[in-house]
């Protein structure tokens, strides 16, 4: 009987280690200006675990919304990629990368383009999630597919977040957070990241 319990403990500890190993292989990277994308990233993190990383810029965008819009338009026109402040070590160890961002001008934000050109993500599963001001994801998911050659990109997730041009910033809270949480869980089940 004693050997049965010892064997059971070894099996259970092995399962825990296997689960921990798969959780360690998940990276959740996001860009968030009004914290709506951050809110979705935290919901995903609660469901799948892994490491959560916010993209930070060497020179942050201006606080003023219109100034930021003008700067992003210039960056998109010139192809400028703003340098990232933080570095993700050992990115090769992650097999699954959730990548979250808001829609800016119906496009992929330049800092996310920086991330995708800075790191080699070939043969990784890259799962996209997006927040937007009600106009949808624009061309952002298509741009990721163009920049992420050789990646496995399952169906992404998109939801409305803040409306910064109207001064409404963090919208994914209270009842909206509960609804988005349900939507995220449904999506994660659909793409087989949770069961």
N, C-alpha and C. Protein backbone atom coordinates (compact mmCIF):
# COMPACT_ATOMS: atom_id res chain seq x y z
N UNK A 1 0.83 -1.20 0.00
CA UNK A 1 0.00 0.00 0.00
C UNK A 1 0.88 1.26 0.00
N UNK A 2 1.96 1.20 0.81
CA UNK A 2 2.88 2.33 0.90
C UNK A 2 3.45 2.66 -0.48
N UNK A 3 3.83 1.60 -1.25
CA UNK A 3 4.40 1.81 -2.56
C UNK A 3 3.39 2.42 -3.53
N UNK A 4 2.12 2.07 -3.34
CA UNK A 4 1.06 2.64 -4.18
C UNK A 4 1.00 4.15 -4.02
N UNK A 5 1.04 4.63 -2.77
CA UNK A 5 0.96 6.08 -2.51
C UNK A 5 2.21 6.81 -3.00
N UNK A 6 3.38 6.18 -2.83
CA UNK A 6 4.62 6.77 -3.32
C UNK A 6 4.56 6.88 -4.85
N UNK A 7 4.09 5.81 -5.51
CA UNK A 7 3.96 5.83 -6.97
C UNK A 7 2.97 6.89 -7.42
N UNK A 8 1.85 6.99 -6.70
CA UNK A 8 0.84 7.99 -7.03
C UNK A 8 1.41 9.40 -6.90
N UNK A 9 2.19 9.64 -5.84
CA UNK A 9 2.81 10.96 -5.66
C UNK A 9 3.79 11.27 -6.80
N UNK A 10 4.55 10.28 -7.21
CA UNK A 10 5.49 10.49 -8.31
C UNK A 10 4.74 10.82 -9.59
N UNK A 11 3.66 10.07 -9.86
CA UNK A 11 2.85 10.33 -11.06
C UNK A 11 2.26 11.73 -11.01
N UNK A 12 1.68 12.10 -9.86
CA UNK A 12 1.07 13.42 -9.74
C UNK A 12 2.10 14.54 -9.86
N UNK A 13 3.27 14.35 -9.25
CA UNK A 13 4.29 15.40 -9.36
C UNK A 13 4.78 15.50 -10.79
N UNK A 14 4.82 14.36 -11.51
CA UNK A 14 5.20 14.38 -12.92
C UNK A 14 4.19 15.14 -13.75
N UNK A 15 2.90 14.98 -13.45
CA UNK A 15 1.86 15.70 -14.18
C UNK A 15 1.99 17.19 -13.94
N UNK A 16 2.23 17.55 -12.69
CA UNK A 16 2.37 18.96 -12.37
C UNK A 16 3.55 19.55 -13.12
N UNK A 17 4.65 18.82 -13.19
CA UNK A 17 5.83 19.31 -13.89
C UNK A 17 5.54 19.46 -15.39
N UNK A 18 4.81 18.48 -15.94
CA UNK A 18 4.46 18.56 -17.36
C UNK A 18 3.57 19.77 -17.62
N UNK A 19 2.60 20.00 -16.73
CA UNK A 19 1.72 21.16 -16.90
C UNK A 19 2.53 22.45 -16.79
N UNK A 20 3.43 22.51 -15.82
CA UNK A 20 4.25 23.71 -15.64
C UNK A 20 5.10 23.95 -16.88
N UNK A 21 5.65 22.88 -17.43
CA UNK A 21 6.48 23.01 -18.62
C UNK A 21 5.70 23.60 -19.79
N UNK A 22 4.47 23.12 -20.00
CA UNK A 22 3.70 23.66 -21.12
C UNK A 22 3.28 25.10 -20.86
N UNK A 23 3.01 25.46 -19.61
CA UNK A 23 2.66 26.84 -19.28
C UNK A 23 3.86 27.75 -19.54
N UNK A 24 5.06 27.28 -19.20
CA UNK A 24 6.27 28.08 -19.41
C UNK A 24 6.55 28.33 -20.89
N UNK A 25 5.95 27.55 -21.77
CA UNK A 25 6.18 27.71 -23.20
C UNK A 25 5.23 28.72 -23.82
N UNK A 26 4.39 29.38 -23.01
CA UNK A 26 3.43 30.37 -23.52
C UNK A 26 3.90 31.76 -23.14
N UNK A 27 3.91 32.64 -24.12
CA UNK A 27 4.28 34.04 -23.91
C UNK A 27 3.10 34.89 -24.38
N UNK A 28 2.72 35.86 -23.56
CA UNK A 28 1.64 36.79 -23.92
C UNK A 28 2.26 38.18 -23.99
N UNK A 29 2.36 38.70 -25.20
CA UNK A 29 2.97 40.01 -25.43
C UNK A 29 1.87 40.95 -25.90
N UNK A 30 1.86 42.17 -25.36
CA UNK A 30 0.81 43.09 -25.78
C UNK A 30 1.29 44.53 -25.75
N UNK A 31 0.63 45.35 -26.58
CA UNK A 31 0.81 46.80 -26.59
C UNK A 31 -0.53 47.38 -26.17
N UNK A 32 -0.50 48.30 -25.22
CA UNK A 32 -1.77 48.88 -24.75
C UNK A 32 -1.56 50.34 -24.38
N UNK A 33 -2.38 51.19 -24.93
CA UNK A 33 -2.29 52.62 -24.61
C UNK A 33 -3.32 53.01 -23.56
N UNK A 34 -4.53 52.46 -23.67
CA UNK A 34 -5.61 52.83 -22.75
C UNK A 34 -5.96 51.69 -21.78
N UNK A 35 -5.13 50.66 -21.77
CA UNK A 35 -5.26 49.49 -20.88
C UNK A 35 -6.37 48.51 -21.26
N UNK A 36 -7.03 48.72 -22.39
CA UNK A 36 -8.03 47.75 -22.83
C UNK A 36 -7.38 46.47 -23.33
N UNK A 37 -6.32 46.61 -24.13
CA UNK A 37 -5.61 45.42 -24.60
C UNK A 37 -4.95 44.71 -23.43
N UNK A 38 -4.47 45.48 -22.47
CA UNK A 38 -3.91 44.89 -21.25
C UNK A 38 -4.96 44.06 -20.52
N UNK A 39 -6.18 44.57 -20.45
CA UNK A 39 -7.26 43.85 -19.77
C UNK A 39 -7.52 42.50 -20.45
N UNK A 40 -7.51 42.48 -21.78
CA UNK A 40 -7.71 41.22 -22.51
C UNK A 40 -6.52 40.30 -22.27
N UNK A 41 -5.31 40.85 -22.30
CA UNK A 41 -4.10 40.05 -22.05
C UNK A 41 -4.17 39.38 -20.68
N UNK A 42 -4.65 40.10 -19.69
CA UNK A 42 -4.76 39.55 -18.33
C UNK A 42 -5.82 38.45 -18.26
N UNK A 43 -6.90 38.60 -19.01
CA UNK A 43 -7.93 37.55 -19.06
C UNK A 43 -7.32 36.28 -19.68
N UNK A 44 -6.59 36.45 -20.78
CA UNK A 44 -5.93 35.30 -21.43
C UNK A 44 -4.94 34.66 -20.46
N UNK A 45 -4.14 35.47 -19.81
CA UNK A 45 -3.15 34.96 -18.87
C UNK A 45 -3.79 34.15 -17.75
N UNK A 46 -4.91 34.61 -17.26
CA UNK A 46 -5.63 33.90 -16.20
C UNK A 46 -6.08 32.52 -16.68
N UNK A 47 -6.40 32.41 -17.97
CA UNK A 47 -6.90 31.15 -18.52
C UNK A 47 -5.78 30.18 -18.92
N UNK A 48 -4.69 30.70 -19.51
CA UNK A 48 -3.66 29.80 -20.06
C UNK A 48 -2.33 29.86 -19.33
N UNK A 49 -2.14 30.83 -18.43
CA UNK A 49 -0.86 30.96 -17.74
C UNK A 49 0.20 31.54 -18.66
N UNK A 50 1.46 31.19 -18.40
CA UNK A 50 2.56 31.68 -19.21
C UNK A 50 3.15 32.96 -18.67
N UNK A 51 3.93 33.62 -19.50
CA UNK A 51 4.60 34.87 -19.12
C UNK A 51 3.91 36.03 -19.82
N UNK A 52 3.63 37.08 -19.07
CA UNK A 52 2.92 38.26 -19.57
C UNK A 52 3.92 39.41 -19.71
N UNK A 53 4.01 40.00 -20.91
CA UNK A 53 4.98 41.07 -21.17
C UNK A 53 4.31 42.22 -21.92
N UNK A 54 4.40 43.43 -21.37
CA UNK A 54 3.91 44.63 -22.05
C UNK A 54 5.04 45.22 -22.89
N UNK A 55 4.75 45.53 -24.16
CA UNK A 55 5.75 46.19 -24.99
C UNK A 55 5.89 47.64 -24.54
N UNK A 56 7.12 48.06 -24.30
CA UNK A 56 7.41 49.43 -23.89
C UNK A 56 8.37 50.05 -24.90
N UNK A 57 8.19 51.33 -25.15
CA UNK A 57 9.03 52.03 -26.11
C UNK A 57 10.16 52.78 -25.43
N UNK A 58 11.28 52.90 -26.13
CA UNK A 58 12.38 53.73 -25.62
C UNK A 58 11.87 55.15 -25.42
N UNK A 59 11.17 55.68 -26.42
CA UNK A 59 10.56 57.01 -26.32
C UNK A 59 9.05 56.83 -26.43
N UNK A 60 8.34 56.93 -25.31
CA UNK A 60 6.89 56.71 -25.34
C UNK A 60 6.18 57.72 -26.24
N UNK A 61 5.02 57.31 -26.72
CA UNK A 61 4.20 58.22 -27.52
C UNK A 61 3.71 59.37 -26.64
N UNK A 62 3.39 60.52 -27.26
CA UNK A 62 2.88 61.65 -26.47
C UNK A 62 1.58 61.30 -25.75
N UNK A 63 1.33 61.96 -24.65
CA UNK A 63 0.07 61.76 -23.92
C UNK A 63 -1.11 62.24 -24.76
N UNK A 64 -0.90 63.31 -25.51
CA UNK A 64 -1.97 63.90 -26.31
C UNK A 64 -2.36 62.96 -27.44
N UNK A 65 -3.64 62.64 -27.52
CA UNK A 65 -4.15 61.69 -28.51
C UNK A 65 -3.85 62.14 -29.94
N UNK A 66 -4.15 63.39 -30.28
CA UNK A 66 -3.96 63.87 -31.65
C UNK A 66 -2.48 63.87 -32.06
N UNK A 67 -1.61 64.20 -31.10
CA UNK A 67 -0.16 64.16 -31.38
C UNK A 67 0.29 62.74 -31.67
N UNK A 68 -0.24 61.79 -30.92
CA UNK A 68 0.10 60.38 -31.15
C UNK A 68 -0.39 59.92 -32.51
N UNK A 69 -1.62 60.28 -32.85
CA UNK A 69 -2.18 59.90 -34.16
C UNK A 69 -1.28 60.43 -35.28
N UNK A 70 -0.89 61.70 -35.19
CA UNK A 70 -0.03 62.30 -36.21
C UNK A 70 1.31 61.58 -36.30
N UNK A 71 1.88 61.24 -35.15
CA UNK A 71 3.17 60.54 -35.13
C UNK A 71 3.05 59.15 -35.75
N UNK A 72 1.98 58.43 -35.43
CA UNK A 72 1.78 57.09 -35.96
C UNK A 72 1.58 57.14 -37.48
N UNK A 73 0.85 58.14 -37.97
CA UNK A 73 0.66 58.30 -39.42
C UNK A 73 2.03 58.48 -40.09
N UNK A 74 2.89 59.34 -39.51
CA UNK A 74 4.23 59.55 -40.08
C UNK A 74 5.04 58.26 -40.06
N UNK A 75 4.98 57.53 -38.95
CA UNK A 75 5.74 56.28 -38.84
C UNK A 75 5.27 55.27 -39.89
N UNK A 76 3.96 55.18 -40.09
CA UNK A 76 3.44 54.25 -41.10
C UNK A 76 3.84 54.68 -42.51
N UNK A 77 3.83 55.99 -42.78
CA UNK A 77 4.19 56.48 -44.12
C UNK A 77 5.66 56.25 -44.43
N UNK A 78 6.51 56.41 -43.41
CA UNK A 78 7.96 56.29 -43.65
C UNK A 78 8.50 54.89 -43.38
N UNK A 79 7.69 54.03 -42.73
CA UNK A 79 8.17 52.70 -42.37
C UNK A 79 9.02 52.69 -41.12
N UNK A 80 9.00 53.79 -40.37
CA UNK A 80 9.81 53.88 -39.15
C UNK A 80 9.30 52.88 -38.10
N UNK A 81 10.24 52.16 -37.50
CA UNK A 81 9.90 51.21 -36.44
C UNK A 81 10.47 51.73 -35.12
N UNK A 82 9.61 52.20 -34.22
CA UNK A 82 10.11 52.75 -32.95
C UNK A 82 10.80 51.68 -32.11
N UNK A 83 11.99 51.98 -31.56
CA UNK A 83 12.72 50.98 -30.78
C UNK A 83 11.99 50.63 -29.48
N UNK A 84 12.07 49.35 -29.14
CA UNK A 84 11.46 48.86 -27.91
C UNK A 84 12.44 48.98 -26.76
N UNK A 85 11.90 49.32 -25.61
CA UNK A 85 12.71 49.47 -24.40
C UNK A 85 13.04 48.12 -23.78
N UNK A 86 12.05 47.25 -23.74
CA UNK A 86 12.27 45.96 -23.08
C UNK A 86 12.67 44.88 -24.08
N UNK A 87 13.42 43.93 -23.57
CA UNK A 87 13.91 42.81 -24.39
C UNK A 87 13.36 41.52 -23.79
N UNK A 88 12.93 40.61 -24.67
CA UNK A 88 12.42 39.32 -24.21
C UNK A 88 13.53 38.30 -24.40
N UNK A 89 14.05 37.81 -23.28
CA UNK A 89 15.13 36.83 -23.34
C UNK A 89 14.58 35.45 -23.66
N UNK A 90 15.38 34.68 -24.35
CA UNK A 90 15.07 33.28 -24.66
C UNK A 90 13.72 33.10 -25.34
N UNK A 91 13.40 33.96 -26.27
CA UNK A 91 12.11 33.86 -26.96
C UNK A 91 12.00 32.53 -27.71
N UNK A 92 13.14 31.94 -28.03
CA UNK A 92 13.11 30.65 -28.73
C UNK A 92 12.49 29.54 -27.88
N UNK A 93 12.44 29.74 -26.56
CA UNK A 93 11.86 28.73 -25.67
C UNK A 93 10.34 28.70 -25.69
N UNK A 94 9.73 29.73 -26.24
CA UNK A 94 8.27 29.80 -26.26
C UNK A 94 7.74 29.22 -27.56
N UNK A 95 6.81 28.28 -27.43
CA UNK A 95 6.22 27.66 -28.63
C UNK A 95 4.96 28.38 -29.07
N UNK A 96 4.27 28.99 -28.10
CA UNK A 96 3.03 29.71 -28.38
C UNK A 96 3.17 31.14 -27.90
N UNK A 97 2.88 32.08 -28.79
CA UNK A 97 2.96 33.50 -28.44
C UNK A 97 1.62 34.15 -28.75
N UNK A 98 0.98 34.65 -27.71
CA UNK A 98 -0.20 35.49 -27.89
C UNK A 98 0.31 36.90 -28.13
N UNK A 99 -0.21 37.56 -29.15
CA UNK A 99 0.24 38.91 -29.49
C UNK A 99 -0.98 39.82 -29.56
N UNK A 100 -1.04 40.79 -28.64
CA UNK A 100 -2.19 41.68 -28.56
C UNK A 100 -1.84 43.12 -28.82
N UNK A 101 -2.80 43.84 -29.44
CA UNK A 101 -2.55 45.23 -29.80
C UNK A 101 -3.88 45.90 -30.11
N UNK A 102 -3.92 47.23 -30.00
CA UNK A 102 -5.09 47.98 -30.46
C UNK A 102 -4.98 48.25 -31.96
N UNK A 103 -6.09 48.60 -32.58
CA UNK A 103 -6.06 49.05 -33.98
C UNK A 103 -5.77 50.54 -33.96
N UNK A 104 -4.76 50.97 -34.71
CA UNK A 104 -4.43 52.38 -34.81
C UNK A 104 -4.55 52.80 -36.26
N UNK A 105 -5.51 53.65 -36.56
CA UNK A 105 -5.70 54.11 -37.94
C UNK A 105 -6.01 52.95 -38.87
N UNK A 106 -6.72 51.95 -38.37
CA UNK A 106 -7.10 50.75 -39.12
C UNK A 106 -5.89 49.89 -39.50
N UNK A 107 -4.77 50.11 -38.80
CA UNK A 107 -3.53 49.40 -39.11
C UNK A 107 -2.92 48.80 -37.86
N UNK A 108 -1.88 47.99 -38.08
CA UNK A 108 -1.09 47.43 -37.01
C UNK A 108 -0.20 48.53 -36.43
N UNK A 109 -0.18 48.72 -35.11
CA UNK A 109 0.67 49.76 -34.53
C UNK A 109 2.16 49.52 -34.82
N UNK A 110 2.90 50.58 -35.14
CA UNK A 110 4.33 50.43 -35.45
C UNK A 110 5.14 49.67 -34.39
N UNK A 111 4.89 49.84 -33.07
CA UNK A 111 5.69 49.07 -32.12
C UNK A 111 5.51 47.55 -32.26
N UNK A 112 4.33 47.12 -32.70
CA UNK A 112 4.12 45.69 -32.91
C UNK A 112 4.90 45.22 -34.14
N UNK A 113 4.99 46.09 -35.14
CA UNK A 113 5.84 45.77 -36.31
C UNK A 113 7.30 45.64 -35.86
N UNK A 114 7.72 46.52 -34.95
CA UNK A 114 9.09 46.42 -34.41
C UNK A 114 9.30 45.06 -33.78
N UNK A 115 8.36 44.65 -32.93
CA UNK A 115 8.46 43.34 -32.25
C UNK A 115 8.58 42.21 -33.27
N UNK A 116 7.75 42.25 -34.30
CA UNK A 116 7.73 41.16 -35.29
C UNK A 116 8.98 41.13 -36.15
N UNK A 117 9.64 42.27 -36.34
CA UNK A 117 10.88 42.27 -37.12
C UNK A 117 12.10 42.01 -36.24
N UNK A 118 11.97 42.29 -34.95
CA UNK A 118 13.09 42.11 -34.02
C UNK A 118 13.28 40.65 -33.61
N UNK A 119 12.20 39.89 -33.56
CA UNK A 119 12.27 38.50 -33.10
C UNK A 119 11.89 37.54 -34.22
N UNK A 120 12.62 36.43 -34.28
CA UNK A 120 12.33 35.37 -35.25
C UNK A 120 11.27 34.46 -34.62
N UNK A 121 10.10 34.41 -35.24
CA UNK A 121 8.99 33.62 -34.69
C UNK A 121 8.63 32.44 -35.60
N UNK A 122 9.49 32.12 -36.54
CA UNK A 122 9.24 31.01 -37.47
C UNK A 122 8.86 29.75 -36.70
N UNK A 123 7.90 29.02 -37.23
CA UNK A 123 7.44 27.74 -36.68
C UNK A 123 6.77 27.86 -35.31
N UNK A 124 6.49 29.07 -34.86
CA UNK A 124 5.78 29.24 -33.60
C UNK A 124 4.30 29.47 -33.89
N UNK A 125 3.48 29.14 -32.91
CA UNK A 125 2.06 29.46 -33.00
C UNK A 125 1.90 30.88 -32.48
N UNK A 126 1.43 31.78 -33.32
CA UNK A 126 1.23 33.18 -32.95
C UNK A 126 -0.27 33.45 -32.97
N UNK A 127 -0.81 33.75 -31.80
CA UNK A 127 -2.25 33.91 -31.64
C UNK A 127 -2.55 35.39 -31.40
N UNK A 128 -3.34 35.99 -32.29
CA UNK A 128 -3.58 37.42 -32.26
C UNK A 128 -4.84 37.78 -31.48
N UNK A 129 -4.73 38.88 -30.72
CA UNK A 129 -5.92 39.46 -30.09
C UNK A 129 -5.83 40.97 -30.21
N UNK A 130 -7.00 41.58 -30.33
CA UNK A 130 -7.06 42.99 -30.70
C UNK A 130 -8.19 43.70 -29.98
N UNK A 131 -7.95 44.96 -29.66
CA UNK A 131 -9.01 45.84 -29.17
C UNK A 131 -9.09 47.02 -30.14
N UNK A 132 -10.28 47.57 -30.28
CA UNK A 132 -10.44 48.67 -31.22
C UNK A 132 -11.58 49.58 -30.77
N UNK A 133 -11.66 50.73 -31.40
CA UNK A 133 -12.67 51.72 -31.06
C UNK A 133 -13.98 51.53 -31.79
N UNK A 134 -14.29 50.31 -32.17
CA UNK A 134 -15.56 50.03 -32.82
C UNK A 134 -15.47 49.89 -34.33
N UNK A 135 -14.28 50.12 -34.88
CA UNK A 135 -14.11 50.03 -36.34
C UNK A 135 -13.50 48.71 -36.78
N UNK A 136 -13.22 47.83 -35.85
CA UNK A 136 -12.65 46.53 -36.18
C UNK A 136 -11.14 46.51 -36.20
N UNK A 137 -10.62 45.40 -36.67
CA UNK A 137 -9.17 45.17 -36.64
C UNK A 137 -8.45 45.75 -37.85
N UNK A 138 -9.20 46.26 -38.83
CA UNK A 138 -8.58 46.83 -40.01
C UNK A 138 -7.71 45.82 -40.73
N UNK A 139 -6.53 46.25 -41.17
CA UNK A 139 -5.61 45.36 -41.88
C UNK A 139 -4.57 44.74 -40.95
N UNK A 140 -4.75 44.93 -39.64
CA UNK A 140 -3.71 44.54 -38.68
C UNK A 140 -3.38 43.04 -38.71
N UNK A 141 -4.40 42.17 -38.75
CA UNK A 141 -4.13 40.73 -38.74
C UNK A 141 -3.41 40.31 -40.03
N UNK A 142 -3.80 40.92 -41.14
CA UNK A 142 -3.15 40.60 -42.43
C UNK A 142 -1.68 41.03 -42.41
N UNK A 143 -1.41 42.19 -41.81
CA UNK A 143 -0.02 42.67 -41.73
C UNK A 143 0.83 41.73 -40.89
N UNK A 144 0.26 41.23 -39.79
CA UNK A 144 1.00 40.26 -38.97
C UNK A 144 1.33 39.03 -39.81
N UNK A 145 0.37 38.54 -40.57
CA UNK A 145 0.61 37.35 -41.40
C UNK A 145 1.72 37.60 -42.42
N UNK A 146 1.79 38.83 -42.95
CA UNK A 146 2.86 39.17 -43.90
C UNK A 146 4.23 39.23 -43.22
N UNK A 147 4.27 39.73 -41.98
CA UNK A 147 5.54 39.88 -41.26
C UNK A 147 5.97 38.62 -40.53
N UNK A 148 5.05 37.70 -40.35
CA UNK A 148 5.30 36.51 -39.53
C UNK A 148 5.33 35.27 -40.42
N UNK A 149 6.21 35.28 -41.40
CA UNK A 149 6.32 34.18 -42.35
C UNK A 149 6.75 32.90 -41.61
N UNK A 150 6.07 31.81 -41.93
CA UNK A 150 6.41 30.54 -41.30
C UNK A 150 5.76 30.32 -39.95
N UNK A 151 4.92 31.25 -39.53
CA UNK A 151 4.22 31.10 -38.25
C UNK A 151 2.88 30.39 -38.47
N UNK A 152 2.44 29.73 -37.45
CA UNK A 152 1.11 29.13 -37.44
C UNK A 152 0.20 30.16 -36.78
N UNK A 153 -0.78 30.67 -37.51
CA UNK A 153 -1.63 31.75 -36.98
C UNK A 153 -3.09 31.29 -37.00
N UNK A 154 -3.59 30.82 -35.84
CA UNK A 154 -5.00 30.42 -35.79
C UNK A 154 -5.93 31.63 -35.79
N UNK A 155 -7.22 31.38 -35.74
CA UNK A 155 -8.21 32.46 -35.72
C UNK A 155 -7.94 33.40 -34.54
N UNK A 156 -7.92 34.69 -34.82
CA UNK A 156 -7.66 35.68 -33.78
C UNK A 156 -8.94 36.14 -33.09
N UNK A 157 -8.75 37.05 -32.13
CA UNK A 157 -9.86 37.58 -31.33
C UNK A 157 -9.84 39.10 -31.41
N UNK A 158 -11.00 39.70 -31.57
CA UNK A 158 -11.10 41.15 -31.61
C UNK A 158 -12.33 41.60 -30.85
N UNK A 159 -12.20 42.69 -30.10
CA UNK A 159 -13.32 43.23 -29.33
C UNK A 159 -13.17 44.74 -29.24
N UNK A 160 -14.29 45.42 -28.99
CA UNK A 160 -14.20 46.87 -28.81
C UNK A 160 -13.63 47.18 -27.43
N UNK A 161 -12.83 48.23 -27.40
CA UNK A 161 -12.24 48.68 -26.15
C UNK A 161 -12.58 50.13 -25.93
N UNK A 162 -11.56 50.97 -25.78
CA UNK A 162 -11.78 52.39 -25.52
C UNK A 162 -12.03 53.19 -26.79
N UNK A 163 -12.50 54.39 -26.58
CA UNK A 163 -12.73 55.34 -27.67
C UNK A 163 -11.95 56.60 -27.31
N UNK A 164 -10.63 56.52 -27.49
CA UNK A 164 -9.76 57.59 -27.01
C UNK A 164 -10.08 58.92 -27.65
N UNK A 165 -10.50 58.91 -28.92
CA UNK A 165 -10.84 60.17 -29.58
C UNK A 165 -12.04 60.85 -28.93
N UNK A 166 -12.82 60.09 -28.17
CA UNK A 166 -13.96 60.65 -27.43
C UNK A 166 -13.64 60.83 -25.95
N UNK A 167 -12.40 60.54 -25.56
CA UNK A 167 -12.01 60.67 -24.17
C UNK A 167 -12.43 59.50 -23.30
N UNK A 168 -12.93 58.42 -23.91
CA UNK A 168 -13.31 57.21 -23.17
C UNK A 168 -12.16 56.23 -23.25
N UNK A 169 -11.48 56.03 -22.15
CA UNK A 169 -10.26 55.24 -22.18
C UNK A 169 -10.53 53.78 -21.82
N UNK A 170 -10.36 53.41 -20.57
CA UNK A 170 -10.54 52.01 -20.18
C UNK A 170 -12.02 51.66 -20.16
N UNK A 171 -12.44 50.89 -21.13
CA UNK A 171 -13.84 50.47 -21.25
C UNK A 171 -14.04 49.02 -20.81
N UNK A 172 -12.97 48.21 -20.85
CA UNK A 172 -13.11 46.80 -20.48
C UNK A 172 -12.95 46.69 -18.96
N UNK A 173 -14.06 46.97 -18.30
CA UNK A 173 -14.16 46.88 -16.84
C UNK A 173 -15.62 46.64 -16.49
N UNK A 174 -15.86 46.26 -15.26
CA UNK A 174 -17.21 45.99 -14.76
C UNK A 174 -17.95 45.00 -15.66
N UNK A 175 -19.18 45.35 -16.10
CA UNK A 175 -19.99 44.44 -16.90
C UNK A 175 -19.32 44.10 -18.24
N UNK A 176 -18.66 45.08 -18.84
CA UNK A 176 -17.97 44.85 -20.12
C UNK A 176 -16.85 43.82 -19.94
N UNK A 177 -16.14 43.88 -18.81
CA UNK A 177 -15.07 42.92 -18.54
C UNK A 177 -15.64 41.50 -18.40
N UNK A 178 -16.80 41.38 -17.78
CA UNK A 178 -17.44 40.07 -17.62
C UNK A 178 -17.80 39.50 -18.99
N UNK A 179 -18.38 40.34 -19.86
CA UNK A 179 -18.76 39.90 -21.21
C UNK A 179 -17.54 39.52 -22.03
N UNK A 180 -16.48 40.34 -21.97
CA UNK A 180 -15.25 40.05 -22.73
C UNK A 180 -14.61 38.77 -22.21
N UNK A 181 -14.64 38.57 -20.89
CA UNK A 181 -14.09 37.34 -20.30
C UNK A 181 -14.78 36.11 -20.89
N UNK A 182 -16.10 36.15 -20.99
CA UNK A 182 -16.86 35.03 -21.57
C UNK A 182 -16.48 34.82 -23.03
N UNK A 183 -16.35 35.92 -23.77
CA UNK A 183 -15.99 35.83 -25.19
C UNK A 183 -14.59 35.24 -25.38
N UNK A 184 -13.65 35.67 -24.52
CA UNK A 184 -12.28 35.16 -24.60
C UNK A 184 -12.25 33.66 -24.31
N UNK A 185 -12.96 33.23 -23.28
CA UNK A 185 -13.00 31.80 -22.94
C UNK A 185 -13.57 30.99 -24.10
N UNK A 186 -14.64 31.48 -24.69
CA UNK A 186 -15.25 30.80 -25.85
C UNK A 186 -14.25 30.69 -27.00
N UNK A 187 -13.53 31.79 -27.27
CA UNK A 187 -12.52 31.81 -28.34
C UNK A 187 -11.37 30.85 -28.02
N UNK A 188 -10.87 30.86 -26.79
CA UNK A 188 -9.76 29.98 -26.41
C UNK A 188 -10.15 28.51 -26.55
N UNK A 189 -11.40 28.21 -26.25
CA UNK A 189 -11.88 26.83 -26.44
C UNK A 189 -11.94 26.50 -27.93
N UNK A 190 -12.41 27.44 -28.72
CA UNK A 190 -12.54 27.21 -30.17
C UNK A 190 -11.19 26.92 -30.82
N UNK A 191 -10.15 27.62 -30.36
CA UNK A 191 -8.81 27.40 -30.95
C UNK A 191 -8.02 26.35 -30.16
N UNK A 192 -8.71 25.68 -29.23
CA UNK A 192 -8.14 24.55 -28.47
C UNK A 192 -6.96 24.93 -27.58
N UNK A 193 -7.02 26.11 -27.01
CA UNK A 193 -6.00 26.50 -26.03
C UNK A 193 -6.44 26.17 -24.61
N UNK A 194 -7.75 26.03 -24.41
CA UNK A 194 -8.29 25.51 -23.15
C UNK A 194 -9.41 24.55 -23.52
N UNK A 195 -9.79 23.70 -22.57
CA UNK A 195 -10.84 22.72 -22.84
C UNK A 195 -11.94 22.79 -21.82
